[in-house]
PDB file of N, CA and C in Angstrom:
ATOM      1  N   UNK A   1       5.116   6.880  18.040  1.00  0.00           N
ATOM      2  CA  UNK A   1       4.770   7.837  17.279  1.00  0.00           C
ATOM      3  C   UNK A   1       4.277   7.133  16.222  1.00  0.00           C
ATOM      4  N   UNK A   2       2.813   7.422  15.693  1.00  0.00           N
ATOM      5  CA  UNK A   2       2.569   5.909  14.520  1.00  0.00           C
ATOM      6  C   UNK A   2       2.504   7.364  13.243  1.00  0.00           C
ATOM      7  N   UNK A   3       2.335   6.670  11.945  1.00  0.00           N
ATOM      8  CA  UNK A   3       2.645   7.339  10.883  1.00  0.00           C
ATOM      9  C   UNK A   3       2.013   6.921   9.752  1.00  0.00           C
ATOM     10  N   UNK A   4       0.910   7.527   9.215  1.00  0.00           N
ATOM     11  CA  UNK A   4       0.143   6.937   7.938  1.00  0.00           C
ATOM     12  C   UNK A   4       0.670   6.808   6.526  1.00  0.00           C
ATOM     13  N   UNK A   5       0.255   6.079   5.792  1.00  0.00           N
ATOM     14  CA  UNK A   5       0.471   6.273   4.488  1.00  0.00           C
ATOM     15  C   UNK A   5      -0.387   5.852   3.154  1.00  0.00           C
ATOM     16  N   UNK A   6      -0.991   6.412   2.383  1.00  0.00           N
ATOM     17  CA  UNK A   6      -2.182   6.309   1.461  1.00  0.00           C
ATOM     18  C   UNK A   6      -1.461   5.519  -0.439  1.00  0.00           C
ATOM     19  N   UNK A   7      -0.885   4.046  -0.146  1.00  0.00           N
ATOM     20  CA  UNK A   7      -0.802   3.727  -0.901  1.00  0.00           C
ATOM     21  C   UNK A   7      -1.455   3.544  -1.832  1.00  0.00           C
ATOM     22  N   UNK A   8      -1.674   4.223  -3.152  1.00  0.00           N
ATOM     23  CA  UNK A   8      -2.570   3.564  -4.415  1.00  0.00           C
ATOM     24  C   UNK A   8      -2.225   3.591  -5.493  1.00  0.00           C
ATOM     25  N   UNK A   9      -2.496   2.451  -6.620  1.00  0.00           N
ATOM     26  CA  UNK A   9      -2.321   1.525  -7.129  1.00  0.00           C
ATOM     27  C   UNK A   9      -3.227   1.948  -8.387  1.00  0.00           C
ATOM     28  N   UNK A  10      -2.053   2.664  -9.260  1.00  0.00           N
ATOM     29  CA  UNK A  10      -2.330   2.839 -10.589  1.00  0.00           C
ATOM     30  C   UNK A  10      -3.080   2.189 -11.301  1.00  0.00           C
ATOM     31  N   UNK A  11      -3.913   3.168 -12.454  1.00  0.00           N
ATOM     32  CA  UNK A  11      -4.557   2.120 -13.530  1.00  0.00           C
ATOM     33  C   UNK A  11      -4.122   1.821 -14.255  1.00  0.00           C
ATOM     34  N   UNK A  12      -3.103   2.036 -14.523  1.00  0.00           N
ATOM     35  CA  UNK A  12      -2.416   1.011 -15.730  1.00  0.00           C
ATOM     36  C   UNK A  12      -0.657   0.398 -15.002  1.00  0.00           C
ATOM     37  N   UNK A  13      -0.811   0.852 -14.060  1.00  0.00           N
ATOM     38  CA  UNK A  13       0.168  -0.310 -12.583  1.00  0.00           C
ATOM     39  C   UNK A  13      -0.193  -1.636 -12.577  1.00  0.00           C
ATOM     40  N   UNK A  14       0.647  -3.127 -13.351  1.00  0.00           N
ATOM     41  CA  UNK A  14       0.560  -3.996 -13.072  1.00  0.00           C
ATOM     42  C   UNK A  14       0.620  -4.514 -11.909  1.00  0.00           C
ATOM     43  N   UNK A  15      -0.617  -5.496 -11.764  1.00  0.00           N
ATOM     44  CA  UNK A  15      -0.771  -6.461 -10.334  1.00  0.00           C
ATOM     45  C   UNK A  15       0.409  -6.722  -9.600  1.00  0.00           C
ATOM     46  N   UNK A  16       1.646  -7.128 -10.141  1.00  0.00           N
ATOM     47  CA  UNK A  16       2.545  -7.703  -9.319  1.00  0.00           C
ATOM     48  C   UNK A  16       3.538  -6.154  -9.251  1.00  0.00           C
ATOM     49  N   UNK A  17       3.417  -5.214 -10.066  1.00  0.00           N
ATOM     50  CA  UNK A  17       4.555  -4.080  -9.766  1.00  0.00           C
ATOM     51  C   UNK A  17       3.586  -3.633  -8.106  1.00  0.00           C
ATOM     52  N   UNK A  18       2.754  -3.639  -8.680  1.00  0.00           N
ATOM     53  CA  UNK A  18       1.602  -2.849  -7.280  1.00  0.00           C
ATOM     54  C   UNK A  18       2.384  -4.027  -5.522  1.00  0.00           C
ATOM     55  N   UNK A  19       2.394  -5.534  -6.085  1.00  0.00           N
ATOM     56  CA  UNK A  19       2.836  -6.060  -4.397  1.00  0.00           C
ATOM     57  C   UNK A  19       4.107  -6.218  -4.471  1.00  0.00           C
ATOM     58  N   UNK A  20       5.322  -5.848  -5.362  1.00  0.00           N
ATOM     59  CA  UNK A  20       6.678  -5.137  -5.233  1.00  0.00           C
ATOM     60  C   UNK A  20       6.412  -4.204  -4.464  1.00  0.00           C
ATOM     61  N   UNK A  21       5.539  -3.345  -5.003  1.00  0.00           N
ATOM     62  CA  UNK A  21       5.411  -2.249  -3.727  1.00  0.00           C
ATOM     63  C   UNK A  21       5.269  -2.042  -2.945  1.00  0.00           C
ATOM     64  N   UNK A  22       4.561  -2.911  -2.461  1.00  0.00           N
ATOM     65  CA  UNK A  22       4.157  -2.316  -1.066  1.00  0.00           C
ATOM     66  C   UNK A  22       4.881  -3.531  -0.142  1.00  0.00           C
ATOM     67  N   UNK A  23       5.413  -4.498  -1.020  1.00  0.00           N
ATOM     68  CA  UNK A  23       6.333  -5.935  -0.194  1.00  0.00           C
ATOM     69  C   UNK A  23       8.118  -4.692  -0.151  1.00  0.00           C
ATOM     70  N   UNK A  24       7.875  -4.160  -0.631  1.00  0.00           N
ATOM     71  CA  UNK A  24       9.352  -3.532  -0.446  1.00  0.00           C
ATOM     72  C   UNK A  24       9.013  -2.426   0.296  1.00  0.00           C
ATOM     73  N   UNK A  25       7.784  -1.418   0.892  1.00  0.00           N
ATOM     74  CA  UNK A  25       7.948  -1.077   1.874  1.00  0.00           C
ATOM     75  C   UNK A  25       7.069  -1.485   2.875  1.00  0.00           C
ATOM     76  N   UNK A  26       6.575  -3.215   3.228  1.00  0.00           N
ATOM     77  CA  UNK A  26       6.103  -3.831   4.827  1.00  0.00           C
ATOM     78  C   UNK A  26       8.364  -4.301   4.536  1.00  0.00           C
ATOM     79  N   UNK A  27       8.870  -4.098   4.085  1.00  0.00           N
ATOM     80  CA  UNK A  27      10.325  -4.712   4.056  1.00  0.00           C
ATOM     81  C   UNK A  27      10.926  -3.572   5.345  1.00  0.00           C
ATOM     82  N   UNK A  28      10.298  -2.365   4.756  1.00  0.00           N
ATOM     83  CA  UNK A  28      10.804  -0.411   5.587  1.00  0.00           C
ATOM     84  C   UNK A  28      10.332  -0.895   6.889  1.00  0.00           C
ATOM     85  N   UNK A  29       9.149  -2.160   7.446  1.00  0.00           N
ATOM     86  CA  UNK A  29       8.576  -1.387   8.835  1.00  0.00           C
ATOM     87  C   UNK A  29       6.789  -1.312   8.676  1.00  0.00           C
ATOM     88  N   UNK A  30       7.115  -0.763   7.391  1.00  0.00           N
ATOM     89  CA  UNK A  30       5.034  -0.871   6.998  1.00  0.00           C
ATOM     90  C   UNK A  30       4.212  -1.839   7.180  1.00  0.00           C
ATOM     91  N   UNK A  31       3.068  -1.294   8.212  1.00  0.00           N
ATOM     92  CA  UNK A  31       1.878  -2.756   7.439  1.00  0.00           C
ATOM     93  C   UNK A  31       0.872  -2.276   7.675  1.00  0.00           C
ATOM     94  N   UNK A  32       0.091  -2.909   6.593  1.00  0.00           N
ATOM     95  CA  UNK A  32      -0.725  -2.747   6.140  1.00  0.00           C
ATOM     96  C   UNK A  32      -2.357  -2.577   7.171  1.00  0.00           C
ATOM     97  N   UNK A  33      -3.226  -1.515   7.110  1.00  0.00           N
ATOM     98  CA  UNK A  33      -4.047  -1.456   7.506  1.00  0.00           C
ATOM     99  C   UNK A  33      -5.785  -1.702   7.920  1.00  0.00           C
ATOM    100  N   UNK A  34      -5.424  -1.064   6.093  1.00  0.00           N
ATOM    101  CA  UNK A  34      -6.482  -1.505   5.524  1.00  0.00           C
ATOM    102  C   UNK A  34      -6.756  -1.203   3.830  1.00  0.00           C
ATOM    103  N   UNK A  35      -7.537  -2.016   2.998  1.00  0.00           N
ATOM    104  CA  UNK A  35      -7.459  -2.477   1.918  1.00  0.00           C
ATOM    105  C   UNK A  35      -8.945  -1.975   1.255  1.00  0.00           C
ATOM    106  N   UNK A  36      -8.752  -0.586   0.327  1.00  0.00           N
ATOM    107  CA  UNK A  36     -10.585  -0.764  -0.862  1.00  0.00           C
ATOM    108  C   UNK A  36     -10.018  -0.939  -1.899  1.00  0.00           C
ATOM    109  N   UNK A  37     -11.135  -0.613  -2.882  1.00  0.00           N
ATOM    110  CA  UNK A  37     -10.993  -1.019  -4.320  1.00  0.00           C
ATOM    111  C   UNK A  37     -12.442  -0.941  -4.701  1.00  0.00           C
ATOM    112  N   UNK A  38     -12.274   0.085  -5.675  1.00  0.00           N
ATOM    113  CA  UNK A  38     -13.278   1.022  -6.124  1.00  0.00           C
ATOM    114  C   UNK A  38     -12.573   0.650  -8.090  1.00  0.00           C
ATOM    115  N   UNK A  39     -13.430   0.106  -8.872  1.00  0.00           N
ATOM    116  CA  UNK A  39     -13.815   0.046 -10.008  1.00  0.00           C
ATOM    117  C   UNK A  39     -12.167   0.255 -10.379  1.00  0.00           C
ATOM    118  N   UNK A  40     -11.932  -0.450 -10.049  1.00  0.00           N
ATOM    119  CA  UNK A  40      -9.895  -1.089 -10.457  1.00  0.00           C
ATOM    120  C   UNK A  40      -9.130  -0.005  -9.990  1.00  0.00           C
ATOM    121  N   UNK A  41      -9.179   0.871  -8.811  1.00  0.00           N
ATOM    122  CA  UNK A  41      -8.751   1.406  -8.330  1.00  0.00           C
ATOM    123  C   UNK A  41      -8.471   1.201  -6.433  1.00  0.00           C
ATOM    124  N   UNK A  42      -7.237   0.767  -6.338  1.00  0.00           N
ATOM    125  CA  UNK A  42      -7.092  -0.210  -4.915  1.00  0.00           C
ATOM    126  C   UNK A  42      -5.771   0.906  -4.890  1.00  0.00           C
ATOM    127  N   UNK A  43      -6.789   0.831  -3.105  1.00  0.00           N
ATOM    128  CA  UNK A  43      -5.837   1.926  -2.152  1.00  0.00           C
ATOM    129  C   UNK A  43      -5.682   1.297  -1.107  1.00  0.00           C
ATOM    130  N   UNK A  44      -3.933   1.569  -0.069  1.00  0.00           N
ATOM    131  CA  UNK A  44      -3.865   0.322   1.053  1.00  0.00           C
ATOM    132  C   UNK A  44      -3.922   1.768   1.969  1.00  0.00           C
ATOM    133  N   UNK A  45      -3.701   1.766   3.247  1.00  0.00           N
ATOM    134  CA  UNK A  45      -3.473   2.418   3.907  1.00  0.00           C
ATOM    135  C   UNK A  45      -2.192   1.434   5.119  1.00  0.00           C
ATOM    136  N   UNK A  46      -1.661   2.291   4.753  1.00  0.00           N
ATOM    137  CA  UNK A  46      -0.163   1.496   5.554  1.00  0.00           C
ATOM    138  C   UNK A  46       0.142   2.383   6.778  1.00  0.00           C
ATOM    139  N   UNK A  47       0.736   1.761   8.257  1.00  0.00           N
ATOM    140  CA  UNK A  47       1.005   2.268   9.254  1.00  0.00           C
ATOM    141  C   UNK A  47       2.534   1.652  10.208  1.00  0.00           C
ATOM    142  N   UNK A  48       3.262   2.725  10.259  1.00  0.00           N
ATOM    143  CA  UNK A  48       4.099   2.755  10.521  1.00  0.00           C
ATOM    144  C   UNK A  48       4.920   3.452  12.254  1.00  0.00           C
ATOM    145  N   UNK A  49       4.778   2.398  13.094  1.00  0.00           N
ATOM    146  CA  UNK A  49       4.944   2.845  14.398  1.00  0.00           C
ATOM    147  C   UNK A  49       6.974   3.007  14.204  1.00  0.00           C
ATOM    148  N   UNK A  50       7.025   4.690  15.126  1.00  0.00           N
ATOM    149  CA  UNK A  50       8.897   5.044  14.919  1.00  0.00           C
ATOM    150  C   UNK A  50       8.938   4.901  16.831  1.00  0.00           C
TER     151      UNK A  50
END
């Protein structure tokens, strides 16, 4: 079974803090499938196979 999660970078969130959040999710087994950016808003689709 595969679960999905959308992680959004906030407008006022620093780039380094966002990267740390993604790295902590990667350590839990999540992997980035798709990344989209528009007007400074970044969204990452993550998936995890259980």
